[in-house]
Amino acid sequence: MNPVTVLSGHRFRVAFALAALLCVAVIVGGYATAESDASLARSDSAGADISNGTGEQVVPPRDNVTVVSTDSTAFVTDDGDGPRKRAELVAFAPNGSLYYRNESHTRYWDVDPIEGTNATVEYVYADHLEPEDCNSESVCTRNGIERVNLTTGNVTHIYSRITPGKHSTRWHDADRIGEDRLLVADIAQDRAFVVNTTSEQITWSWDAQTDFNTSSGGPYPEDWTHINDVEYVELEGRETVMVSVRNHDQVVFVDMESGLRENWTLGSDGDHETLYEQHNPDFIPEARGGPAVLVADSENGRVVEYQRANGSWEQSWEWRDQRLTWVRDADRLPNGHTLITDSNGDRVLEIDENSSVVWSSTIGFPYESERLGTGDESAGGQSAAALGLPDRTPSAENRSAVSDAATLLPKPVVNGVAYLLPGWVGPVESLAAVGLLVVLALWAVLEWRRRSFEVHLRWPVQIRNR
């Protein structure tokens, strides 16, 4: 058969057009279905009757109020806020009904209960500001801490600062360490600092450049250390700050007087077997079976705990299942259970002392969760070693397309793609999107080859006609 006949015909165009239309139909259908899917009913809760736990059940029941902050929109370009259009701070009553909800900020991050109260929390937020509010910068962010009474809804401003840019400038954590002292994880300036919230004067700070070389970690200065968590601890009777230096795959301990305690550092840059771009480490002291550190080991897709023994850290516990994808928080509760927040898995879950899931709720892109009445983060829980917690490795249950893909692709690639995709994109829609790209690329290549072949055939004719 003459190749010109094949390439100049319209049959291949029809075939590619039909394939492309099929892929588009699957994607559009997935979006339309998601709009009415019951699994996304949480997105419609803005109009719900919030009556402090007397309304309709929206999550499974669980003892005490559960508070969840969501990162929600994960899109990282400067233009717009991407497909997940709503971040929220939400609380669920023990009976599973909606107790409180707020979506007034662009992002919600750390949330901590206030000691001595039953339903008051402080949370870290970020607001992406309009260019006219950013002085000479085209993009800027207001990072702040607020306090809210979940029962009355009364909000109190605590502290805020504006940072240039948007990526890797949004504070993720701030911990109350006194009546007017706040410990802040400052991603924007690669530091941890303590601020007096009355005078707004910084009274202590640790700059990562004091102890880390800028050639390691992430790109300097755009996203070098990505300090995403701080925690005040007393270590051997001394005031110490535990800092999660995410892009260096390390949790470090900084004496507030003498500086970094190198012999206490957990992990090292590039040692992904120990930690891989972790979030929200919690320190468990000797009095509760430690010293131990419970960590959301994000890029490794697991919750892991390390026990201090003979001057070094030894892994004492690990938990993950097929669905756990990009975990960013894990709290050890006083009853021995662990409350886990899985961002890319769109899930908050609780596991018991046997490592079995006893409570789970689908929440869009959650960042952190807290169970009120149990103390701040893991403050009331014991170490895995003291509890004798069994490890858990993935089984066939709770399978997801993301976790299956993780076996074939590097973790950062899988998590990066999942981070960018809209919340309604599932396995079928993902496959259709990939198929559409392949069809269009192949179509373009064949069109180019066809045109090149026709030009090649016309040249001898043009020469004979001269």
Protein backbone atom coordinates (compact mmCIF):
# COMPACT_ATOMS: atom_id res chain seq x y z
CA MET A 1 0.00 0.00 0.00
CA ASN A 2 1.29 3.44 -0.88
CA PRO A 3 2.28 5.17 2.38
CA VAL A 4 1.04 8.45 0.95
CA THR A 5 -2.45 6.96 0.73
CA VAL A 6 -2.36 5.91 4.34
CA LEU A 7 -0.88 9.13 5.70
CA SER A 8 -3.02 11.46 3.60
CA GLY A 9 -6.27 9.71 4.47
CA HIS A 10 -8.61 10.87 7.19
CA ARG A 11 -9.12 7.55 8.90
CA PHE A 12 -6.25 7.97 11.33
CA ARG A 13 -7.53 11.45 12.21
CA VAL A 14 -10.97 10.07 12.99
CA ALA A 15 -9.47 7.33 15.15
CA PHE A 16 -7.34 9.76 17.14
CA ALA A 17 -10.22 12.23 17.48
CA LEU A 18 -12.50 9.52 18.84
CA ALA A 19 -9.85 8.35 21.30
CA ALA A 20 -9.27 11.93 22.47
CA LEU A 21 -13.01 12.55 22.85
CA LEU A 22 -13.38 9.35 24.87
CA CYS A 23 -10.65 10.47 27.27
CA VAL A 24 -12.21 13.91 27.60
CA ALA A 25 -15.63 12.36 28.24
CA VAL A 26 -14.21 10.23 31.07
CA ILE A 27 -12.56 13.27 32.68
CA VAL A 28 -15.67 15.45 32.36
CA GLY A 29 -17.84 12.60 33.61
CA GLY A 30 -15.59 12.15 36.64
CA TYR A 31 -15.85 15.83 37.45
CA ALA A 32 -19.63 15.85 37.10
CA THR A 33 -20.01 12.73 39.23
CA ALA A 34 -17.75 14.13 41.92
CA GLU A 35 -19.96 17.17 42.24
CA SER A 36 -22.81 15.00 43.49
CA ASP A 37 -20.83 12.15 45.02
CA ALA A 38 -21.69 11.51 48.63
CA SER A 39 -18.02 11.01 49.45
CA LEU A 40 -17.54 14.73 48.75
CA ALA A 41 -20.57 15.84 50.74
CA ARG A 42 -18.21 17.47 53.19
CA SER A 43 -17.70 20.20 50.60
CA ASP A 44 -21.34 21.20 51.01
CA SER A 45 -21.14 21.57 54.78
CA ALA A 46 -20.79 25.35 54.50
CA GLY A 47 -24.55 25.62 54.57
CA ALA A 48 -25.06 23.03 57.29
CA ASP A 49 -26.75 23.84 60.58
CA ILE A 50 -23.84 23.94 63.01
CA SER A 51 -25.42 23.43 66.40
CA ASN A 52 -22.49 22.07 68.43
CA GLY A 53 -23.06 18.41 67.87
CA THR A 54 -26.83 18.11 67.56
CA GLY A 55 -27.03 17.90 63.77
CA GLU A 56 -26.73 15.14 61.21
CA GLN A 57 -23.82 12.69 61.42
CA VAL A 58 -21.13 13.44 58.81
CA VAL A 59 -18.26 11.27 60.15
CA PRO A 60 -18.23 8.11 62.30
CA PRO A 61 -18.77 8.73 66.04
CA ARG A 62 -15.74 8.93 68.33
CA ASP A 63 -15.08 9.97 71.93
CA ASN A 64 -14.51 13.72 72.37
CA VAL A 65 -14.32 16.44 69.74
CA THR A 66 -11.96 15.86 66.80
CA VAL A 67 -10.50 18.99 65.17
CA VAL A 68 -8.98 18.89 61.68
CA SER A 69 -7.13 21.61 59.76
CA THR A 70 -6.87 21.30 55.99
CA ASP A 71 -4.27 22.48 53.53
CA SER A 72 -6.94 21.93 50.87
CA THR A 73 -5.83 23.73 47.73
CA ALA A 74 -2.46 22.21 46.91
CA PHE A 75 -1.87 23.99 43.61
CA VAL A 76 1.50 25.72 43.72
CA THR A 77 1.43 28.23 40.85
CA ASP A 78 1.13 31.92 41.64
CA ASP A 79 -1.96 32.40 39.48
CA GLY A 80 -5.05 31.37 41.39
CA ASP A 81 -5.56 28.80 44.08
CA GLY A 82 -6.11 25.72 41.98
CA PRO A 83 -8.83 23.13 41.90
CA ARG A 84 -9.43 22.51 45.60
CA LYS A 85 -10.99 25.88 46.23
CA ARG A 86 -11.58 25.66 49.95
CA ALA A 87 -9.44 25.13 53.02
CA GLU A 88 -11.11 24.74 56.38
CA LEU A 89 -10.76 24.33 60.10
CA VAL A 90 -13.45 21.84 61.07
CA ALA A 91 -14.44 20.12 64.31
CA PHE A 92 -16.64 17.03 64.70
CA ALA A 93 -18.69 16.26 67.80
CA PRO A 94 -18.44 12.84 69.52
CA ASN A 95 -21.61 11.73 67.71
CA GLY A 96 -20.00 12.51 64.34
CA SER A 97 -21.96 15.67 63.58
CA LEU A 98 -20.44 18.99 62.59
CA TYR A 99 -19.42 21.00 65.66
CA TYR A 100 -17.55 23.93 64.12
CA ARG A 101 -16.39 25.06 60.71
CA ASN A 102 -14.38 28.02 59.37
CA GLU A 103 -13.11 28.65 55.85
CA SER A 104 -12.15 32.31 56.10
CA HIS A 105 -8.42 31.73 55.42
CA THR A 106 -6.50 30.44 52.40
CA ARG A 107 -4.76 27.67 54.38
CA TYR A 108 -4.96 26.09 57.82
CA TRP A 109 -1.96 24.32 59.36
CA ASP A 110 -1.11 23.49 62.98
CA VAL A 111 -3.97 23.34 65.49
CA ASP A 112 -3.41 22.98 69.26
CA PRO A 113 -5.85 22.75 72.18
CA ILE A 114 -5.55 25.42 74.88
CA GLU A 115 -4.74 23.93 78.26
CA GLY A 116 -7.47 24.45 80.86
CA THR A 117 -10.26 24.79 78.28
CA ASN A 118 -12.74 22.28 76.90
CA ALA A 119 -13.22 23.56 73.37
CA THR A 120 -10.70 26.32 72.60
CA VAL A 121 -7.84 25.90 70.14
CA GLU A 122 -5.10 27.98 68.56
CA TYR A 123 -4.31 27.48 64.89
CA VAL A 124 -1.83 28.68 62.29
CA TYR A 125 -3.26 30.11 59.08
CA ALA A 126 -2.00 31.63 55.83
CA ASP A 127 -3.73 34.17 53.60
CA HIS A 128 -2.55 34.84 50.04
CA LEU A 129 -2.84 38.61 49.65
CA GLU A 130 -3.69 40.76 46.66
CA PRO A 131 -0.80 42.52 44.86
CA GLU A 132 -1.89 45.94 46.17
CA ASP A 133 -1.33 44.64 49.72
CA CYS A 134 2.18 43.39 48.98
CA ASN A 135 4.07 46.69 48.49
CA SER A 136 6.77 45.98 45.91
CA GLU A 137 6.11 42.24 45.82
CA SER A 138 3.68 40.75 43.30
CA VAL A 139 2.77 37.94 45.68
CA CYS A 140 2.84 37.84 49.46
CA THR A 141 1.35 35.90 52.36
CA ARG A 142 0.01 36.81 55.77
CA ASN A 143 1.03 34.14 58.28
CA GLY A 144 -0.83 34.28 61.55
CA ILE A 145 -2.04 32.58 64.69
CA GLU A 146 -5.58 32.87 65.98
CA ARG A 147 -7.52 31.42 68.91
CA VAL A 148 -11.12 30.24 68.59
CA ASN A 149 -13.72 28.99 71.03
CA LEU A 150 -15.30 26.18 69.05
CA THR A 151 -18.53 26.42 71.01
CA THR A 152 -19.17 30.15 70.67
CA GLY A 153 -17.19 30.76 67.48
CA ASN A 154 -15.39 33.75 69.01
CA VAL A 155 -12.02 34.34 67.31
CA THR A 156 -9.07 36.21 68.88
CA HIS A 157 -6.04 37.44 66.95
CA ILE A 158 -2.74 36.37 68.52
CA TYR A 159 0.11 37.26 66.15
CA SER A 160 0.78 37.68 62.42
CA ARG A 161 3.44 38.74 59.94
CA ILE A 162 3.53 39.23 56.15
CA THR A 163 6.18 37.36 54.17
CA PRO A 164 7.08 37.91 50.51
CA GLY A 165 6.07 35.21 48.05
CA LYS A 166 3.84 32.23 48.48
CA HIS A 167 5.80 29.02 48.06
CA SER A 168 7.69 27.87 51.12
CA THR A 169 7.00 31.09 53.03
CA ARG A 170 3.86 29.90 54.82
CA TRP A 171 4.40 29.07 58.49
CA HIS A 172 3.18 25.57 59.37
CA ASP A 173 3.54 25.45 63.15
CA ALA A 174 3.45 27.59 66.28
CA ASP A 175 3.35 26.27 69.85
CA ARG A 176 2.23 28.07 72.99
CA ILE A 177 5.03 27.83 75.61
CA GLY A 178 3.79 30.42 78.08
CA GLU A 179 1.08 32.98 78.70
CA ASP A 180 2.68 35.42 76.27
CA ARG A 181 5.38 33.26 74.61
CA LEU A 182 4.87 31.65 71.23
CA LEU A 183 7.37 29.32 69.53
CA VAL A 184 7.18 29.63 65.73
CA ALA A 185 8.52 27.49 62.87
CA ASP A 186 9.54 30.13 60.33
CA ILE A 187 9.84 28.50 56.91
CA ALA A 188 10.34 31.87 55.22
CA GLN A 189 13.59 32.68 57.05
CA ASP A 190 14.82 29.15 57.83
CA ARG A 191 14.63 29.62 61.57
CA ALA A 192 12.73 28.93 64.78
CA PHE A 193 11.94 31.83 67.08
CA VAL A 194 10.08 32.76 70.27
CA VAL A 195 7.96 35.90 70.22
CA ASN A 196 6.39 37.78 73.10
CA THR A 197 2.81 38.14 71.85
CA THR A 198 2.20 41.18 74.09
CA SER A 199 5.19 43.26 72.99
CA GLU A 200 5.66 41.42 69.65
CA GLN A 201 9.38 41.34 70.37
CA ILE A 202 11.40 38.25 69.37
CA THR A 203 13.10 36.99 72.52
CA TRP A 204 14.95 33.94 71.13
CA SER A 205 15.79 32.54 67.72
CA TRP A 206 17.82 29.82 66.05
CA ASP A 207 18.96 30.34 62.48
CA ALA A 208 19.56 27.12 60.51
CA GLN A 209 22.58 28.68 58.79
CA THR A 210 24.32 28.53 62.16
CA ASP A 211 24.58 24.76 61.86
CA PHE A 212 23.70 23.81 58.26
CA ASN A 213 25.51 24.36 54.98
CA THR A 214 23.45 25.97 52.22
CA SER A 215 24.76 23.42 49.72
CA SER A 216 22.68 20.70 51.40
CA GLY A 217 18.91 20.40 51.72
CA GLY A 218 16.62 22.08 49.20
CA PRO A 219 17.41 24.89 46.77
CA TYR A 220 18.86 27.91 48.54
CA PRO A 221 17.32 30.36 49.23
CA GLU A 222 13.99 29.46 47.61
CA ASP A 223 13.12 26.41 49.73
CA TRP A 224 16.23 25.49 51.63
CA THR A 225 15.33 23.93 54.99
CA HIS A 226 11.50 23.99 54.97
CA ILE A 227 11.32 24.05 58.78
CA ASN A 228 7.77 22.81 59.25
CA ASP A 229 7.50 21.99 62.96
CA VAL A 230 8.81 23.06 66.36
CA GLU A 231 8.22 21.69 69.84
CA TYR A 232 9.38 22.90 73.23
CA VAL A 233 10.84 20.09 75.35
CA GLU A 234 12.90 19.78 78.50
CA LEU A 235 15.92 17.67 77.73
CA GLU A 236 18.07 16.63 80.65
CA GLY A 237 16.68 19.56 82.62
CA ARG A 238 17.43 22.16 79.94
CA GLU A 239 15.07 24.24 77.76
CA THR A 240 15.27 22.72 74.31
CA VAL A 241 13.50 23.19 70.99
CA MET A 242 12.95 20.17 68.74
CA VAL A 243 12.94 21.31 65.11
CA SER A 244 11.81 19.42 62.01
CA VAL A 245 14.24 20.40 59.22
CA ARG A 246 12.25 18.75 56.46
CA ASN A 247 14.47 19.27 53.43
CA HIS A 248 17.46 17.91 55.37
CA ASP A 249 15.53 14.78 56.45
CA GLN A 250 16.36 15.55 60.07
CA VAL A 251 14.83 16.25 63.45
CA VAL A 252 17.27 18.32 65.52
CA PHE A 253 17.38 19.42 69.15
CA VAL A 254 18.48 22.97 69.90
CA ASP A 255 19.45 23.94 73.45
CA MET A 256 18.03 27.44 73.95
CA GLU A 257 21.28 28.55 75.58
CA SER A 258 24.10 26.57 73.97
CA GLY A 259 22.73 25.70 70.52
CA LEU A 260 22.46 22.51 68.48
CA ARG A 261 22.93 19.22 70.33
CA GLU A 262 24.48 17.24 67.49
CA ASN A 263 24.54 13.91 69.31
CA TRP A 264 20.73 14.05 69.55
CA THR A 265 20.01 14.61 65.83
CA LEU A 266 17.66 12.07 64.28
CA GLY A 267 18.35 11.35 60.59
CA SER A 268 20.72 12.95 58.10
CA ASP A 269 20.41 14.66 54.74
CA GLY A 270 19.73 12.06 52.06
CA ASP A 271 19.36 9.16 54.50
CA HIS A 272 15.88 8.29 53.30
CA GLU A 273 15.83 4.99 55.12
CA THR A 274 15.54 6.90 58.41
CA LEU A 275 13.43 9.92 57.44
CA TYR A 276 12.30 11.35 54.13
CA GLU A 277 10.95 14.93 54.25
CA GLN A 278 9.04 14.37 57.47
CA HIS A 279 6.31 16.39 59.20
CA ASN A 280 5.14 17.00 62.78
CA PRO A 281 7.53 14.94 64.95
CA ASP A 282 6.30 14.52 68.56
CA PHE A 283 8.68 14.05 71.47
CA ILE A 284 7.77 11.45 74.11
CA PRO A 285 9.81 11.93 77.31
CA GLU A 286 11.38 9.31 79.53
CA ALA A 287 8.48 9.54 81.99
CA ARG A 288 6.20 8.05 79.32
CA GLY A 289 8.56 5.42 77.98
CA GLY A 290 10.95 7.59 75.98
CA PRO A 291 12.97 9.42 75.04
CA ALA A 292 11.22 8.69 71.75
CA VAL A 293 10.13 10.60 68.67
CA LEU A 294 6.91 9.75 66.79
CA VAL A 295 7.15 11.03 63.21
CA ALA A 296 4.93 11.39 60.16
CA ASP A 297 7.53 10.13 57.67
CA SER A 298 5.84 11.74 54.69
CA GLU A 299 7.72 10.72 51.54
CA ASN A 300 8.17 7.19 52.90
CA GLY A 301 4.41 6.93 53.34
CA ARG A 302 4.52 5.69 56.92
CA VAL A 303 4.26 6.58 60.59
CA VAL A 304 7.48 5.69 62.37
CA GLU A 305 8.82 5.96 65.91
CA TYR A 306 12.42 6.05 67.11
CA GLN A 307 13.55 5.16 70.63
CA ARG A 308 16.65 6.66 72.24
CA ALA A 309 18.97 3.89 73.45
CA ASN A 310 22.68 3.96 74.32
CA GLY A 311 23.14 7.44 72.92
CA SER A 312 21.56 6.76 69.51
CA TRP A 313 18.16 6.45 67.85
CA GLU A 314 16.73 3.02 67.02
CA GLN A 315 13.52 2.39 65.11
CA SER A 316 10.94 0.96 67.52
CA TRP A 317 7.69 1.03 65.53
CA GLU A 318 6.32 1.45 62.00
CA TRP A 319 2.77 1.61 60.63
CA ARG A 320 1.34 1.90 57.14
CA ASP A 321 -1.33 0.41 54.94
CA GLN A 322 -1.98 0.50 51.19
CA ARG A 323 -3.90 3.77 51.34
CA LEU A 324 -1.46 5.73 53.51
CA THR A 325 0.23 8.03 51.03
CA TRP A 326 1.64 11.31 52.32
CA VAL A 327 1.07 11.29 56.07
CA ARG A 328 1.70 14.66 57.77
CA ASP A 329 0.65 14.14 61.38
CA ALA A 330 0.51 11.37 63.97
CA ASP A 331 -0.44 11.77 67.65
CA ARG A 332 -0.15 9.14 70.37
CA LEU A 333 -3.30 9.31 72.51
CA PRO A 334 -3.44 8.52 76.27
CA ASN A 335 -5.34 5.27 75.59
CA GLY A 336 -2.47 3.94 73.45
CA HIS A 337 -4.19 4.68 70.15
CA THR A 338 -2.58 6.78 67.40
CA LEU A 339 -4.44 9.49 65.48
CA ILE A 340 -3.06 9.78 61.94
CA THR A 341 -3.54 12.47 59.29
CA ASP A 342 -2.87 11.44 55.67
CA SER A 343 -2.92 14.42 53.30
CA ASN A 344 -2.75 12.74 49.90
CA GLY A 345 -4.89 9.88 51.19
CA ASP A 346 -7.65 12.42 52.04
CA ARG A 347 -8.12 10.65 55.35
CA VAL A 348 -7.93 11.02 59.12
CA LEU A 349 -7.83 7.72 60.99
CA GLU A 350 -7.25 6.23 64.42
CA ILE A 351 -5.52 2.92 65.08
CA ASP A 352 -5.54 0.95 68.33
CA GLU A 353 -2.81 -0.87 70.27
CA ASN A 354 -3.11 -3.81 67.86
CA SER A 355 -2.42 -1.51 64.89
CA SER A 356 -6.00 -2.00 63.63
CA VAL A 357 -8.04 0.89 62.24
CA VAL A 358 -10.86 1.68 64.66
CA TRP A 359 -12.01 5.02 63.21
CA SER A 360 -11.59 6.62 59.82
CA SER A 361 -13.03 9.62 58.02
CA THR A 362 -12.57 10.99 54.52
CA ILE A 363 -11.41 14.61 54.76
CA GLY A 364 -10.18 16.61 51.78
CA PHE A 365 -6.40 17.13 52.01
CA PRO A 366 -6.03 17.34 55.82
CA TYR A 367 -2.87 18.71 57.38
CA GLU A 368 -3.26 18.04 61.10
CA SER A 369 -5.83 16.60 63.50
CA GLU A 370 -6.31 16.84 67.27
CA ARG A 371 -8.53 14.90 69.68
CA LEU A 372 -9.62 17.32 72.39
CA GLY A 373 -9.28 16.13 75.96
CA THR A 374 -6.10 14.15 75.26
CA GLY A 375 -3.53 16.94 75.56
CA ASP A 376 -1.55 18.71 72.85
CA GLU A 377 -0.43 16.33 70.09
CA SER A 378 1.24 13.31 71.82
CA ALA A 379 1.49 15.00 75.23
CA GLY A 380 -0.60 12.32 76.94
CA GLY A 381 0.62 9.23 75.11
CA GLN A 382 3.28 6.64 75.83
CA SER A 383 6.05 5.41 73.56
CA ALA A 384 5.55 2.46 71.23
CA ALA A 385 8.24 0.57 73.15
CA ALA A 386 6.42 1.05 76.46
CA LEU A 387 3.10 -0.02 74.91
CA GLY A 388 4.59 -2.91 72.93
CA LEU A 389 2.90 -1.75 69.73
CA PRO A 390 3.17 -4.19 66.81
CA ASP A 391 4.39 -3.01 63.42
CA ARG A 392 2.04 -3.10 60.47
CA THR A 393 3.01 -3.43 56.82
CA PRO A 394 0.77 -3.00 53.76
CA SER A 395 -1.85 -5.63 53.01
CA ALA A 396 -4.31 -6.02 50.14
CA GLU A 397 -6.98 -3.96 51.91
CA ASN A 398 -7.49 -0.24 51.40
CA ARG A 399 -5.78 -0.30 48.03
CA SER A 400 -5.60 2.92 46.06
CA ALA A 401 -4.28 3.94 42.66
CA VAL A 402 -1.70 6.21 44.28
CA SER A 403 -0.31 3.49 46.53
CA ASP A 404 -0.17 1.02 43.64
CA ALA A 405 1.67 3.57 41.50
CA ALA A 406 4.11 4.11 44.34
CA THR A 407 5.50 0.62 43.79
CA LEU A 408 6.52 1.59 40.25
CA LEU A 409 7.51 5.25 40.59
CA PRO A 410 9.75 7.17 43.02
CA LYS A 411 7.83 8.41 46.06
CA PRO A 412 8.47 12.13 45.39
CA VAL A 413 7.04 11.74 41.86
CA VAL A 414 3.89 10.01 43.10
CA ASN A 415 3.32 12.48 45.91
CA GLY A 416 4.12 15.44 43.69
CA VAL A 417 1.55 14.40 41.09
CA ALA A 418 -1.08 13.66 43.75
CA TYR A 419 -0.35 17.03 45.36
CA LEU A 420 -1.09 18.88 42.13
CA LEU A 421 -4.17 16.99 40.98
CA PRO A 422 -7.67 18.25 41.76
CA GLY A 423 -9.43 16.42 44.58
CA TRP A 424 -12.03 14.85 42.26
CA VAL A 425 -9.41 13.10 40.09
CA GLY A 426 -9.48 9.37 40.79
CA PRO A 427 -7.70 6.39 39.19
CA VAL A 428 -9.96 6.32 36.10
CA GLU A 429 -9.68 10.06 35.51
CA SER A 430 -5.90 9.90 35.99
CA LEU A 431 -5.63 7.14 33.39
CA ALA A 432 -7.85 9.10 30.99
CA ALA A 433 -5.68 12.21 31.43
CA VAL A 434 -2.52 10.24 30.69
CA GLY A 435 -4.24 8.61 27.71
CA LEU A 436 -5.30 11.98 26.35
CA LEU A 437 -1.72 13.28 26.50
CA VAL A 438 -0.42 10.17 24.72
CA VAL A 439 -3.09 10.37 22.00
CA LEU A 440 -2.46 14.05 21.32
CA ALA A 441 1.31 13.59 21.27
CA LEU A 442 1.13 10.61 18.90
CA TRP A 443 -1.35 12.41 16.68
CA ALA A 444 0.96 15.43 16.43
CA VAL A 445 3.94 13.22 15.54
CA LEU A 446 2.04 11.41 12.76
CA GLU A 447 0.72 14.70 11.36
CA TRP A 448 4.27 16.03 11.22
CA ARG A 449 5.55 12.87 9.51
CA ARG A 450 2.68 12.96 6.99
CA ARG A 451 3.38 16.56 6.04
CA SER A 452 7.12 15.90 5.81
CA PHE A 453 6.49 12.91 3.54
CA GLU A 454 4.21 14.93 1.23
CA VAL A 455 6.78 17.71 0.93
CA HIS A 456 9.46 15.12 0.09
CA LEU A 457 7.28 13.69 -2.71
CA ARG A 458 6.51 17.13 -4.19
CA TRP A 459 10.17 18.07 -4.66
CA PRO A 460 10.84 15.86 -7.78
CA VAL A 461 7.68 17.21 -9.43
CA GLN A 462 8.78 20.81 -8.84
CA ILE A 463 12.23 20.06 -10.30
CA ARG A 464 10.77 18.48 -13.49
CA ASN A 465 8.52 21.48 -14.03
CA ARG A 466 11.40 23.96 -14.10
